[in-house]
Amino acid sequence: MHVIAEDHLKAMKDGAVICNSGHFDIEIDLKALKKLSSKVEKNVRNFVDAYVFPGGKRIYLIGEGRLVNLAAAEGHPASVMDMSFATQALASEWAVKNHAKLTAKVYEVPTDVENWVAKLKLSSMGIRIDSLSKEQQHYLSSWSHGT
């Protein structure tokens, strides 16, 4: 709770942008933000409200302080979250299938799982992508070229 509390809000610079990417809407002390503000300018941009403090300092709040990937995403939340849920389910399946050779630690989602989910999502949207050439694959996996 109150990851961003009243003292933090007071210390923020003019133009600070805050949002909640955690759980529920308790990470940002919205009551303190409202109390400290002399006015609120709604929808200064899509999903963004400006809280104006006495003296003119502005703090920009995204998605009304609710979970940003749901409250400020474009499209239906199910469309926003489907790849995340699919990746979680397939990563869980991978862990169950490979449990005998896994040790107790945090694992990254296997690249083939992420790529499969991405390809399925693009396909469901009618989007086709080109395959990388061997030269392009080598370039992307190497540090020997570029900056």
N, C-alpha and C. Protein backbone atom coordinates (compact mmCIF):
# COMPACT_ATOMS: atom_id res chain seq x y z
N MET A 1 0.84 -1.20 0.00
CA MET A 1 0.00 0.00 0.00
C MET A 1 0.87 1.24 0.00
N HIS A 2 0.37 2.27 -0.64
CA HIS A 2 0.99 3.59 -0.63
C HIS A 2 2.48 3.55 -0.99
N VAL A 3 2.77 2.88 -2.09
CA VAL A 3 4.13 2.89 -2.62
C VAL A 3 4.52 4.32 -2.96
N ILE A 4 3.54 5.06 -3.47
CA ILE A 4 3.71 6.51 -3.67
C ILE A 4 2.78 7.17 -2.67
N ALA A 5 3.39 7.70 -1.60
CA ALA A 5 2.64 8.29 -0.50
C ALA A 5 2.69 9.82 -0.58
N GLU A 6 2.03 10.46 0.36
CA GLU A 6 1.93 11.92 0.37
C GLU A 6 3.31 12.59 0.32
N ASP A 7 4.25 12.10 1.11
CA ASP A 7 5.60 12.70 1.11
C ASP A 7 6.25 12.60 -0.27
N HIS A 8 6.04 11.49 -0.96
CA HIS A 8 6.59 11.33 -2.30
C HIS A 8 5.96 12.34 -3.26
N LEU A 9 4.65 12.48 -3.16
CA LEU A 9 3.94 13.40 -4.05
C LEU A 9 4.44 14.83 -3.85
N LYS A 10 4.66 15.20 -2.60
CA LYS A 10 5.16 16.55 -2.31
C LYS A 10 6.55 16.76 -2.90
N ALA A 11 7.37 15.72 -2.91
CA ALA A 11 8.76 15.83 -3.37
C ALA A 11 8.92 15.72 -4.88
N MET A 12 7.87 15.30 -5.59
CA MET A 12 7.98 15.12 -7.04
C MET A 12 8.17 16.44 -7.76
N LYS A 13 8.88 16.34 -8.87
CA LYS A 13 9.11 17.51 -9.72
C LYS A 13 7.87 17.80 -10.54
N ASP A 14 7.77 19.03 -10.99
CA ASP A 14 6.70 19.43 -11.90
C ASP A 14 6.77 18.56 -13.15
N GLY A 15 5.64 18.03 -13.55
CA GLY A 15 5.57 17.22 -14.76
C GLY A 15 5.78 15.74 -14.53
N ALA A 16 5.92 15.31 -13.28
CA ALA A 16 6.10 13.88 -12.99
C ALA A 16 4.88 13.11 -13.49
N VAL A 17 5.13 11.92 -13.99
CA VAL A 17 4.07 11.04 -14.48
C VAL A 17 4.06 9.81 -13.58
N ILE A 18 2.89 9.48 -13.06
CA ILE A 18 2.77 8.32 -12.18
C ILE A 18 1.66 7.40 -12.68
N CYS A 19 1.87 6.12 -12.44
CA CYS A 19 0.84 5.13 -12.77
C CYS A 19 1.02 3.94 -11.87
N ASN A 20 0.04 3.09 -11.85
CA ASN A 20 0.02 1.90 -11.02
C ASN A 20 0.17 0.69 -11.92
N SER A 21 1.25 -0.04 -11.74
CA SER A 21 1.39 -1.28 -12.51
C SER A 21 1.36 -2.48 -11.57
N GLY A 22 0.89 -2.24 -10.36
CA GLY A 22 0.85 -3.30 -9.36
C GLY A 22 -0.49 -3.97 -9.28
N HIS A 23 -1.05 -3.94 -8.12
CA HIS A 23 -2.29 -4.65 -7.86
C HIS A 23 -3.33 -3.67 -7.36
N PHE A 24 -4.54 -3.80 -7.79
CA PHE A 24 -5.65 -2.95 -7.36
C PHE A 24 -5.31 -1.48 -7.54
N ASP A 25 -5.82 -0.61 -6.69
CA ASP A 25 -5.56 0.82 -6.86
C ASP A 25 -5.08 1.44 -5.55
N ILE A 26 -4.25 0.72 -4.82
CA ILE A 26 -3.81 1.21 -3.52
C ILE A 26 -2.33 1.60 -3.49
N GLU A 27 -1.63 1.42 -4.58
CA GLU A 27 -0.21 1.75 -4.60
C GLU A 27 0.02 3.26 -4.52
N ILE A 28 -0.80 4.02 -5.19
CA ILE A 28 -0.70 5.48 -5.18
C ILE A 28 -1.73 6.01 -4.19
N ASP A 29 -1.30 6.87 -3.28
CA ASP A 29 -2.21 7.45 -2.30
C ASP A 29 -3.05 8.53 -3.00
N LEU A 30 -4.13 8.09 -3.61
CA LEU A 30 -4.99 8.98 -4.39
C LEU A 30 -5.67 10.03 -3.52
N LYS A 31 -6.00 9.68 -2.29
CA LYS A 31 -6.61 10.66 -1.38
C LYS A 31 -5.64 11.80 -1.12
N ALA A 32 -4.37 11.48 -0.90
CA ALA A 32 -3.37 12.52 -0.67
C ALA A 32 -3.16 13.35 -1.93
N LEU A 33 -3.16 12.70 -3.08
CA LEU A 33 -2.99 13.43 -4.34
C LEU A 33 -4.11 14.44 -4.53
N LYS A 34 -5.33 14.01 -4.26
CA LYS A 34 -6.49 14.92 -4.38
C LYS A 34 -6.41 16.04 -3.34
N LYS A 35 -6.00 15.70 -2.13
CA LYS A 35 -5.90 16.69 -1.05
C LYS A 35 -4.85 17.75 -1.37
N LEU A 36 -3.75 17.34 -1.95
CA LEU A 36 -2.65 18.26 -2.26
C LEU A 36 -2.92 19.15 -3.48
N SER A 37 -3.88 18.76 -4.29
CA SER A 37 -4.15 19.45 -5.55
C SER A 37 -5.19 20.55 -5.39
N SER A 38 -4.95 21.64 -6.10
CA SER A 38 -5.93 22.73 -6.09
C SER A 38 -6.97 22.52 -7.19
N LYS A 39 -6.59 21.76 -8.23
CA LYS A 39 -7.57 21.40 -9.27
C LYS A 39 -7.08 20.18 -10.03
N VAL A 40 -8.02 19.55 -10.73
CA VAL A 40 -7.72 18.38 -11.55
C VAL A 40 -8.19 18.68 -12.97
N GLU A 41 -7.29 18.53 -13.92
CA GLU A 41 -7.65 18.68 -15.33
C GLU A 41 -7.80 17.29 -15.91
N LYS A 42 -9.04 16.93 -16.22
CA LYS A 42 -9.34 15.59 -16.71
C LYS A 42 -8.96 15.44 -18.18
N ASN A 43 -8.47 14.27 -18.52
CA ASN A 43 -8.16 13.89 -19.90
C ASN A 43 -7.31 14.91 -20.66
N VAL A 44 -6.18 15.29 -20.07
CA VAL A 44 -5.26 16.17 -20.81
C VAL A 44 -4.67 15.41 -21.99
N ARG A 45 -4.65 14.12 -21.91
CA ARG A 45 -4.37 13.17 -22.99
C ARG A 45 -5.23 11.96 -22.68
N ASN A 46 -5.37 11.06 -23.63
CA ASN A 46 -6.15 9.86 -23.34
C ASN A 46 -5.60 9.17 -22.09
N PHE A 47 -6.48 8.91 -21.15
CA PHE A 47 -6.17 8.19 -19.92
C PHE A 47 -5.26 8.96 -18.96
N VAL A 48 -5.07 10.26 -19.17
CA VAL A 48 -4.15 11.04 -18.32
C VAL A 48 -4.88 12.24 -17.73
N ASP A 49 -4.82 12.36 -16.40
CA ASP A 49 -5.36 13.52 -15.69
C ASP A 49 -4.19 14.29 -15.08
N ALA A 50 -4.29 15.61 -15.11
CA ALA A 50 -3.26 16.46 -14.50
C ALA A 50 -3.76 16.95 -13.16
N TYR A 51 -3.00 16.70 -12.13
CA TYR A 51 -3.29 17.20 -10.78
C TYR A 51 -2.41 18.42 -10.57
N VAL A 52 -3.05 19.57 -10.41
CA VAL A 52 -2.34 20.83 -10.30
C VAL A 52 -2.26 21.24 -8.83
N PHE A 53 -1.05 21.42 -8.36
CA PHE A 53 -0.82 21.81 -6.97
C PHE A 53 -0.84 23.33 -6.88
N PRO A 54 -1.11 23.88 -5.69
CA PRO A 54 -0.95 25.33 -5.53
C PRO A 54 0.49 25.71 -5.91
N GLY A 55 0.64 26.75 -6.68
CA GLY A 55 1.96 27.11 -7.18
C GLY A 55 2.19 26.63 -8.60
N GLY A 56 1.31 25.76 -9.11
CA GLY A 56 1.37 25.37 -10.51
C GLY A 56 2.02 24.03 -10.83
N LYS A 57 2.64 23.39 -9.86
CA LYS A 57 3.25 22.08 -10.13
C LYS A 57 2.16 21.10 -10.57
N ARG A 58 2.48 20.31 -11.61
CA ARG A 58 1.53 19.32 -12.12
C ARG A 58 2.10 17.92 -11.96
N ILE A 59 1.24 17.02 -11.55
CA ILE A 59 1.57 15.60 -11.55
C ILE A 59 0.53 14.92 -12.43
N TYR A 60 1.01 14.14 -13.37
CA TYR A 60 0.14 13.47 -14.33
C TYR A 60 -0.12 12.03 -13.87
N LEU A 61 -1.39 11.71 -13.73
CA LEU A 61 -1.81 10.38 -13.28
C LEU A 61 -2.42 9.63 -14.46
N ILE A 62 -1.90 8.45 -14.72
CA ILE A 62 -2.39 7.63 -15.83
C ILE A 62 -3.43 6.63 -15.32
N GLY A 63 -4.51 6.50 -16.05
CA GLY A 63 -5.52 5.47 -15.78
C GLY A 63 -6.21 5.60 -14.44
N GLU A 64 -6.33 6.82 -13.94
CA GLU A 64 -6.99 7.09 -12.66
C GLU A 64 -6.36 6.33 -11.50
N GLY A 65 -5.11 5.91 -11.66
CA GLY A 65 -4.42 5.18 -10.60
C GLY A 65 -4.76 3.70 -10.55
N ARG A 66 -5.56 3.26 -11.50
CA ARG A 66 -5.90 1.83 -11.55
C ARG A 66 -4.81 1.09 -12.34
N LEU A 67 -4.87 -0.20 -12.37
CA LEU A 67 -3.88 -1.03 -13.05
C LEU A 67 -3.74 -0.57 -14.50
N VAL A 68 -2.58 0.01 -14.81
CA VAL A 68 -2.39 0.76 -16.05
C VAL A 68 -2.60 -0.08 -17.31
N ASN A 69 -2.16 -1.34 -17.29
CA ASN A 69 -2.30 -2.12 -18.51
C ASN A 69 -3.75 -2.50 -18.79
N LEU A 70 -4.63 -2.31 -17.82
CA LEU A 70 -6.05 -2.52 -18.07
C LEU A 70 -6.79 -1.19 -18.20
N ALA A 71 -6.46 -0.25 -17.32
CA ALA A 71 -7.19 1.02 -17.29
C ALA A 71 -6.83 1.94 -18.43
N ALA A 72 -5.61 1.84 -18.98
CA ALA A 72 -5.19 2.78 -20.01
C ALA A 72 -4.79 2.08 -21.30
N ALA A 73 -5.14 0.85 -21.44
CA ALA A 73 -4.81 0.14 -22.67
C ALA A 73 -5.83 0.45 -23.74
N GLU A 74 -5.38 0.39 -24.96
CA GLU A 74 -6.32 0.58 -26.05
C GLU A 74 -6.88 -0.79 -26.42
N GLY A 75 -8.16 -0.85 -26.54
CA GLY A 75 -8.79 -2.11 -26.83
C GLY A 75 -9.42 -2.70 -25.59
N HIS A 76 -10.03 -3.83 -25.75
CA HIS A 76 -10.70 -4.52 -24.66
C HIS A 76 -9.65 -5.19 -23.78
N PRO A 77 -9.78 -5.12 -22.45
CA PRO A 77 -8.77 -5.73 -21.59
C PRO A 77 -8.47 -7.19 -21.93
N ALA A 78 -9.48 -7.95 -22.35
CA ALA A 78 -9.21 -9.34 -22.72
C ALA A 78 -8.24 -9.40 -23.89
N SER A 79 -8.35 -8.48 -24.81
CA SER A 79 -7.44 -8.43 -25.95
C SER A 79 -6.05 -8.00 -25.53
N VAL A 80 -5.98 -7.22 -24.48
CA VAL A 80 -4.69 -6.75 -23.98
C VAL A 80 -4.00 -7.87 -23.21
N MET A 81 -4.75 -8.64 -22.47
CA MET A 81 -4.18 -9.62 -21.56
C MET A 81 -4.04 -11.03 -22.14
N ASP A 82 -4.62 -11.29 -23.30
CA ASP A 82 -4.64 -12.66 -23.79
C ASP A 82 -3.26 -13.26 -23.99
N MET A 83 -2.32 -12.48 -24.50
CA MET A 83 -0.97 -13.01 -24.71
C MET A 83 -0.29 -13.31 -23.37
N SER A 84 -0.51 -12.46 -22.39
CA SER A 84 0.08 -12.68 -21.08
C SER A 84 -0.46 -13.98 -20.47
N PHE A 85 -1.77 -14.16 -20.54
CA PHE A 85 -2.36 -15.36 -19.98
C PHE A 85 -1.92 -16.61 -20.74
N ALA A 86 -1.86 -16.51 -22.07
CA ALA A 86 -1.42 -17.66 -22.87
C ALA A 86 0.03 -18.01 -22.54
N THR A 87 0.87 -17.00 -22.40
CA THR A 87 2.27 -17.24 -22.06
C THR A 87 2.39 -17.88 -20.69
N GLN A 88 1.62 -17.39 -19.72
CA GLN A 88 1.65 -17.97 -18.37
C GLN A 88 1.21 -19.43 -18.40
N ALA A 89 0.15 -19.72 -19.13
CA ALA A 89 -0.36 -21.10 -19.19
C ALA A 89 0.65 -22.02 -19.86
N LEU A 90 1.22 -21.58 -20.97
CA LEU A 90 2.18 -22.42 -21.69
C LEU A 90 3.49 -22.57 -20.93
N ALA A 91 3.90 -21.52 -20.21
CA ALA A 91 5.10 -21.62 -19.38
C ALA A 91 4.86 -22.60 -18.23
N SER A 92 3.66 -22.59 -17.68
CA SER A 92 3.32 -23.55 -16.62
C SER A 92 3.35 -24.97 -17.17
N GLU A 93 2.79 -25.15 -18.37
CA GLU A 93 2.83 -26.47 -19.00
C GLU A 93 4.27 -26.92 -19.22
N TRP A 94 5.13 -26.00 -19.68
CA TRP A 94 6.55 -26.31 -19.90
C TRP A 94 7.20 -26.75 -18.58
N ALA A 95 6.89 -26.03 -17.49
CA ALA A 95 7.48 -26.36 -16.19
C ALA A 95 7.04 -27.75 -15.72
N VAL A 96 5.77 -28.07 -15.93
CA VAL A 96 5.26 -29.39 -15.53
C VAL A 96 5.95 -30.49 -16.35
N LYS A 97 6.06 -30.26 -17.65
CA LYS A 97 6.67 -31.27 -18.52
C LYS A 97 8.17 -31.44 -18.25
N ASN A 98 8.82 -30.40 -17.77
CA ASN A 98 10.27 -30.44 -17.57
C ASN A 98 10.67 -30.47 -16.10
N HIS A 99 9.71 -30.72 -15.21
CA HIS A 99 9.98 -30.61 -13.77
C HIS A 99 11.12 -31.50 -13.29
N ALA A 100 11.32 -32.65 -13.89
CA ALA A 100 12.35 -33.58 -13.42
C ALA A 100 13.76 -33.01 -13.57
N LYS A 101 13.97 -32.15 -14.54
CA LYS A 101 15.32 -31.60 -14.73
C LYS A 101 15.45 -30.14 -14.26
N LEU A 102 14.44 -29.63 -13.59
CA LEU A 102 14.48 -28.25 -13.09
C LEU A 102 14.89 -28.23 -11.63
N THR A 103 15.60 -27.16 -11.26
CA THR A 103 15.95 -26.95 -9.85
C THR A 103 15.11 -25.80 -9.33
N ALA A 104 15.12 -25.60 -8.03
CA ALA A 104 14.32 -24.55 -7.40
C ALA A 104 14.98 -23.19 -7.65
N LYS A 105 14.51 -22.48 -8.67
CA LYS A 105 14.98 -21.13 -9.00
C LYS A 105 13.98 -20.50 -9.95
N VAL A 106 14.19 -19.25 -10.27
CA VAL A 106 13.33 -18.54 -11.21
C VAL A 106 13.83 -18.81 -12.63
N TYR A 107 12.93 -19.16 -13.52
CA TYR A 107 13.27 -19.41 -14.91
C TYR A 107 12.61 -18.38 -15.80
N GLU A 108 13.30 -18.00 -16.86
CA GLU A 108 12.68 -17.15 -17.87
C GLU A 108 11.77 -18.01 -18.72
N VAL A 109 10.74 -17.37 -19.28
CA VAL A 109 9.85 -18.10 -20.18
C VAL A 109 10.69 -18.51 -21.40
N PRO A 110 10.61 -19.79 -21.79
CA PRO A 110 11.37 -20.23 -22.95
C PRO A 110 11.01 -19.41 -24.20
N THR A 111 12.03 -19.06 -24.96
CA THR A 111 11.85 -18.24 -26.16
C THR A 111 10.86 -18.87 -27.12
N ASP A 112 10.90 -20.18 -27.26
CA ASP A 112 9.98 -20.82 -28.21
C ASP A 112 8.53 -20.66 -27.77
N VAL A 113 8.27 -20.61 -26.46
CA VAL A 113 6.91 -20.37 -25.96
C VAL A 113 6.49 -18.94 -26.30
N GLU A 114 7.35 -17.96 -26.03
CA GLU A 114 7.03 -16.57 -26.34
C GLU A 114 6.80 -16.37 -27.84
N ASN A 115 7.67 -16.97 -28.65
CA ASN A 115 7.53 -16.82 -30.11
C ASN A 115 6.25 -17.46 -30.61
N TRP A 116 5.88 -18.61 -30.06
CA TRP A 116 4.66 -19.28 -30.48
C TRP A 116 3.44 -18.43 -30.16
N VAL A 117 3.39 -17.88 -28.95
CA VAL A 117 2.27 -17.03 -28.56
C VAL A 117 2.20 -15.80 -29.47
N ALA A 118 3.33 -15.18 -29.74
CA ALA A 118 3.36 -14.00 -30.61
C ALA A 118 2.86 -14.33 -32.01
N LYS A 119 3.32 -15.45 -32.56
CA LYS A 119 2.89 -15.85 -33.91
C LYS A 119 1.38 -16.13 -33.95
N LEU A 120 0.87 -16.79 -32.91
CA LEU A 120 -0.56 -17.08 -32.87
C LEU A 120 -1.38 -15.79 -32.77
N LYS A 121 -0.90 -14.84 -31.95
CA LYS A 121 -1.61 -13.56 -31.81
C LYS A 121 -1.64 -12.82 -33.14
N LEU A 122 -0.49 -12.72 -33.78
CA LEU A 122 -0.44 -12.02 -35.07
C LEU A 122 -1.34 -12.70 -36.09
N SER A 123 -1.31 -14.02 -36.11
CA SER A 123 -2.15 -14.77 -37.04
C SER A 123 -3.63 -14.50 -36.77
N SER A 124 -4.02 -14.45 -35.49
CA SER A 124 -5.42 -14.21 -35.14
C SER A 124 -5.87 -12.81 -35.58
N MET A 125 -4.90 -11.91 -35.72
CA MET A 125 -5.21 -10.54 -36.16
C MET A 125 -5.08 -10.37 -37.67
N GLY A 126 -4.77 -11.48 -38.37
CA GLY A 126 -4.61 -11.42 -39.81
C GLY A 126 -3.30 -10.77 -40.24
N ILE A 127 -2.32 -10.76 -39.36
CA ILE A 127 -1.04 -10.13 -39.66
C ILE A 127 -0.02 -11.22 -39.96
N ARG A 128 0.67 -11.06 -41.06
CA ARG A 128 1.74 -11.99 -41.42
C ARG A 128 3.07 -11.26 -41.26
N ILE A 129 4.06 -12.00 -40.84
CA ILE A 129 5.39 -11.42 -40.75
C ILE A 129 6.35 -12.29 -41.56
N ASP A 130 7.40 -11.65 -42.04
CA ASP A 130 8.43 -12.38 -42.77
C ASP A 130 9.30 -13.15 -41.79
N SER A 131 9.90 -14.19 -42.28
CA SER A 131 10.88 -14.91 -41.47
C SER A 131 12.24 -14.25 -41.66
N LEU A 132 13.04 -14.28 -40.62
CA LEU A 132 14.38 -13.72 -40.73
C LEU A 132 15.26 -14.63 -41.56
N SER A 133 16.14 -14.03 -42.33
CA SER A 133 17.14 -14.81 -43.06
C SER A 133 18.19 -15.29 -42.07
N LYS A 134 19.01 -16.25 -42.45
CA LYS A 134 20.08 -16.72 -41.57
C LYS A 134 21.02 -15.58 -41.21
N GLU A 135 21.29 -14.70 -42.18
CA GLU A 135 22.15 -13.55 -41.93
C GLU A 135 21.53 -12.62 -40.88
N GLN A 136 20.22 -12.38 -40.97
CA GLN A 136 19.53 -11.53 -40.00
C GLN A 136 19.52 -12.17 -38.62
N GLN A 137 19.28 -13.48 -38.56
CA GLN A 137 19.30 -14.19 -37.28
C GLN A 137 20.67 -14.08 -36.63
N HIS A 138 21.72 -14.26 -37.43
CA HIS A 138 23.09 -14.16 -36.91
C HIS A 138 23.34 -12.75 -36.38
N TYR A 139 22.93 -11.75 -37.14
CA TYR A 139 23.14 -10.36 -36.72
C TYR A 139 22.45 -10.08 -35.39
N LEU A 140 21.19 -10.53 -35.25
CA LEU A 140 20.44 -10.26 -34.02
C LEU A 140 21.01 -10.99 -32.80
N SER A 141 21.70 -12.10 -33.03
CA SER A 141 22.24 -12.84 -31.89
C SER A 141 23.72 -12.55 -31.65
N SER A 142 24.25 -11.57 -32.35
CA SER A 142 25.67 -11.26 -32.26
C SER A 142 25.90 -9.82 -31.83
N TRP A 143 27.07 -9.60 -31.21
CA TRP A 143 27.48 -8.25 -30.84
C TRP A 143 28.63 -7.76 -31.72
N SER A 144 28.91 -8.49 -32.78
CA SER A 144 30.08 -8.14 -33.59
C SER A 144 29.80 -7.05 -34.62
N HIS A 145 28.55 -6.70 -34.85
CA HIS A 145 28.20 -5.67 -35.81
C HIS A 145 27.42 -4.57 -35.12
N GLY A 146 27.40 -3.40 -35.72
CA GLY A 146 26.57 -2.30 -35.21
C GLY A 146 27.30 -1.48 -34.16
N THR A 147 26.51 -0.77 -33.38
CA THR A 147 27.11 0.15 -32.41
C THR A 147 27.44 -0.53 -31.10
